Amino acid sequence: MNVSPMHTRRFRRSAINFAAINAAALLHADTILQRWLPNGRREGREWVALNPTRNDRHLGSFRINLSSGKWADFATGDAGGDLISLAAYLTGTRQSIAARNLADMLGVRHD
């Protein structure tokens, strides 16, 4: 059986520029976090909010650093290193999908 090259070729999505997306997101961290976590507030260099992935009733344990994007829920141990990982965590998606969605929201190229 003769298989044409078109049927055997694999198409690869272009690489995502995570660093560029994160850099753009950090420039707008306050606005992004107000949108994603509207129940939160700024405390110094951090955004403190209720964690919407669990039955969180008290501010304090879920914190996002506005300068670095690092975040943690100190009640559960969940944590991440940037706003893309936070987006993935909040939406329950892979980081690649979260990165593309965040890039689209910011008007940043993601490839």
Protein backbone atom coordinates (compact mmCIF):
# COMPACT_ATOMS: atom_id res chain seq x y z
CA MET A 1 0.00 0.00 0.00
CA ASN A 2 1.38 3.36 -0.99
CA VAL A 3 0.86 6.09 1.64
CA SER A 4 1.17 9.66 0.49
CA PRO A 5 3.41 12.00 2.49
CA MET A 6 0.37 14.10 3.39
CA HIS A 7 -1.02 11.26 5.49
CA THR A 8 2.21 10.62 7.36
CA ARG A 9 3.20 14.21 8.06
CA ARG A 10 2.65 15.40 11.59
CA PHE A 11 1.80 18.99 12.18
CA ARG A 12 3.45 20.57 15.16
CA ARG A 13 2.10 23.64 16.84
CA SER A 14 4.61 26.40 17.18
CA ALA A 15 6.39 26.81 20.49
CA ILE A 16 4.73 29.08 23.02
CA ASN A 17 6.77 32.02 24.25
CA PHE A 18 5.93 31.59 27.94
CA ALA A 19 8.47 34.22 29.03
CA ALA A 20 6.96 36.94 26.82
CA ILE A 21 3.44 36.12 27.94
CA ASN A 22 4.44 36.15 31.61
CA ALA A 23 6.32 39.43 31.19
CA ALA A 24 3.27 41.05 29.60
CA ALA A 25 1.00 39.62 32.28
CA LEU A 26 3.16 41.00 35.09
CA LEU A 27 2.81 44.50 33.65
CA HIS A 28 -0.95 44.15 34.16
CA ALA A 29 -0.98 41.88 37.22
CA ASP A 30 -3.28 44.12 39.30
CA THR A 31 -5.90 44.28 36.56
CA ILE A 32 -5.66 40.59 35.71
CA LEU A 33 -5.99 39.51 39.33
CA GLN A 34 -8.94 41.83 39.93
CA ARG A 35 -10.62 40.11 36.99
CA TRP A 36 -9.73 36.54 37.98
CA LEU A 37 -10.09 36.95 41.75
CA PRO A 38 -12.50 39.86 42.30
CA ASN A 39 -12.97 39.00 45.97
CA GLY A 40 -9.33 39.83 46.68
CA ARG A 41 -7.38 42.91 47.60
CA ARG A 42 -3.89 44.27 47.36
CA GLU A 43 -1.74 43.96 50.47
CA GLY A 44 1.64 45.52 49.81
CA ARG A 45 3.27 43.59 46.95
CA GLU A 46 0.73 40.77 47.05
CA TRP A 47 -2.82 40.10 45.92
CA VAL A 48 -4.70 38.24 48.66
CA ALA A 49 -7.92 36.48 47.70
CA LEU A 50 -10.22 33.59 48.42
CA ASN A 51 -9.22 30.48 46.52
CA PRO A 52 -12.11 29.69 44.16
CA THR A 53 -10.94 26.08 43.68
CA ARG A 54 -11.94 25.17 47.22
CA ASN A 55 -14.41 26.22 49.90
CA ASP A 56 -12.27 29.13 51.09
CA ARG A 57 -14.05 31.51 53.46
CA HIS A 58 -11.23 33.65 54.85
CA LEU A 59 -8.69 35.87 53.13
CA GLY A 60 -5.09 35.22 53.96
CA SER A 61 -3.88 31.84 52.78
CA PHE A 62 -4.12 32.39 48.99
CA ARG A 63 -1.53 34.93 47.86
CA ILE A 64 -0.03 36.07 44.57
CA ASN A 65 3.17 38.13 44.38
CA LEU A 66 2.47 41.07 42.06
CA SER A 67 6.13 41.49 41.10
CA SER A 68 7.01 37.89 40.26
CA GLY A 69 3.65 36.20 39.67
CA LYS A 70 4.55 33.45 42.14
CA TRP A 71 1.51 32.24 44.02
CA ALA A 72 0.60 29.86 46.80
CA ASP A 73 -2.31 28.61 48.81
CA PHE A 74 -0.69 28.08 52.18
CA ALA A 75 -3.71 26.12 53.42
CA THR A 76 -3.38 23.41 50.75
CA GLY A 77 0.23 23.63 49.62
CA ASP A 78 -0.78 24.38 46.02
CA ALA A 79 1.70 26.78 44.43
CA GLY A 80 3.12 27.97 41.14
CA GLY A 81 5.83 30.15 39.70
CA ASP A 82 3.98 32.56 37.43
CA LEU A 83 0.63 33.92 36.26
CA ILE A 84 0.33 31.29 33.53
CA SER A 85 0.47 28.51 36.11
CA LEU A 86 -2.10 30.43 38.17
CA ALA A 87 -4.42 30.68 35.14
CA ALA A 88 -4.03 26.94 34.54
CA TYR A 89 -4.74 26.21 38.20
CA LEU A 90 -7.83 28.42 38.33
CA THR A 91 -9.31 27.05 35.11
CA GLY A 92 -8.22 23.44 35.47
CA THR A 93 -6.44 23.47 32.11
CA ARG A 94 -2.93 22.71 30.86
CA GLN A 95 -0.41 25.52 31.03
CA SER A 96 -0.16 25.65 27.24
CA ILE A 97 -3.88 26.38 26.95
CA ALA A 98 -3.75 28.87 29.81
CA ALA A 99 -0.78 30.62 28.16
CA ARG A 100 -2.60 30.96 24.84
CA ASN A 101 -5.74 32.25 26.55
CA LEU A 102 -3.76 34.76 28.59
CA ALA A 103 -1.85 35.91 25.51
CA ASP A 104 -5.12 36.40 23.64
CA MET A 105 -6.55 38.38 26.56
CA LEU A 106 -3.47 40.63 26.59
CA GLY A 107 -3.16 40.90 22.81
CA VAL A 108 0.28 39.25 22.89
CA ARG A 109 1.56 36.83 20.25
CA HIS A 110 1.93 33.41 21.77
CA ASP A 111 4.07 31.64 19.20
